[in-house]
């Protein structure tokens, strides 16, 4: 693997880590808002947002795992 492609993979790895960190912060905030939601429509909307954040988190963790594999080759 060329030095340039390793650099690109490392960059993508760090971007995935950053995205995972941001999703963790968003999840914490949305969970707090969900606890404070007083009507069912807000509660449902926030549950949907949390579900979407979870799906994105899983996807970024898959990407990170693949990038770690590629970096270790």
Protein backbone atom coordinates (compact mmCIF):
# COMPACT_ATOMS: atom_id res chain seq x y z
CA UNK A 1 0.00 0.00 0.00
CA UNK A 2 1.40 3.38 -0.95
CA UNK A 3 2.07 6.08 1.61
CA UNK A 4 -0.63 8.24 0.01
CA UNK A 5 -3.30 5.57 0.31
CA UNK A 6 -2.30 4.89 3.94
CA UNK A 7 -2.63 8.61 4.61
CA UNK A 8 -6.10 8.64 3.05
CA UNK A 9 -7.15 5.62 5.09
CA UNK A 10 -5.79 7.22 8.27
CA UNK A 11 -7.71 10.39 7.47
CA UNK A 12 -10.92 8.43 6.92
CA UNK A 13 -10.28 6.52 10.17
CA UNK A 14 -9.95 9.77 12.13
CA UNK A 15 -13.06 11.20 10.44
CA UNK A 16 -15.03 8.08 11.44
CA UNK A 17 -13.81 8.45 15.03
CA UNK A 18 -14.89 12.09 15.02
CA UNK A 19 -18.30 11.19 13.65
CA UNK A 20 -18.75 8.54 16.35
CA UNK A 21 -17.79 11.08 19.03
CA UNK A 22 -20.30 13.60 17.68
CA UNK A 23 -23.04 10.96 17.52
CA UNK A 24 -22.36 10.09 21.17
CA UNK A 25 -22.82 13.74 22.16
CA UNK A 26 -26.01 14.00 20.08
CA UNK A 27 -27.37 10.80 21.60
CA UNK A 28 -26.79 12.10 25.12
CA UNK A 29 -28.55 15.38 24.32
CA UNK A 30 -31.49 13.68 22.60
CA UNK A 31 -31.88 11.25 25.52
CA UNK A 32 -32.03 14.18 27.91
CA UNK A 33 -34.59 15.97 25.72
CA UNK A 34 -36.58 12.73 25.51
CA UNK A 35 -36.76 12.57 29.31
CA UNK A 36 -38.03 16.16 29.36
CA UNK A 37 -40.58 15.73 26.54
CA UNK A 38 -44.05 16.28 27.88
CA UNK A 39 -46.28 15.43 24.97
CA UNK A 40 -46.43 12.21 23.00
CA UNK A 41 -45.68 13.77 19.60
CA UNK A 42 -42.40 15.25 20.88
CA UNK A 43 -41.59 11.97 22.58
CA UNK A 44 -42.19 10.03 19.37
CA UNK A 45 -40.15 12.46 17.26
CA UNK A 46 -37.20 12.27 19.65
CA UNK A 47 -37.38 8.46 19.69
CA UNK A 48 -37.20 8.54 15.89
CA UNK A 49 -34.17 10.84 16.02
CA UNK A 50 -32.48 8.54 18.54
CA UNK A 51 -33.16 5.57 16.28
CA UNK A 52 -31.57 7.35 13.34
CA UNK A 53 -28.53 8.30 15.44
CA UNK A 54 -28.14 4.65 16.46
CA UNK A 55 -28.23 3.49 12.82
CA UNK A 56 -25.60 6.06 11.88
CA UNK A 57 -23.44 5.05 14.86
CA UNK A 58 -23.52 1.40 13.80
CA UNK A 59 -22.56 2.35 10.23
CA UNK A 60 -19.62 4.52 11.32
CA UNK A 61 -18.38 1.77 13.65
CA UNK A 62 -18.48 -0.70 10.73
CA UNK A 63 -16.49 1.76 8.61
CA UNK A 64 -13.97 2.28 11.40
CA UNK A 65 -13.52 -1.47 11.83
CA UNK A 66 -12.90 -1.90 8.10
CA UNK A 67 -10.45 1.01 8.08
CA UNK A 68 -8.56 -0.48 11.05
CA UNK A 69 -8.34 -3.77 9.12
CA UNK A 70 -6.97 -1.97 6.06
CA UNK A 71 -4.43 -0.06 8.13
CA UNK A 72 -3.12 -3.24 9.72
CA UNK A 73 -2.43 -4.91 6.34
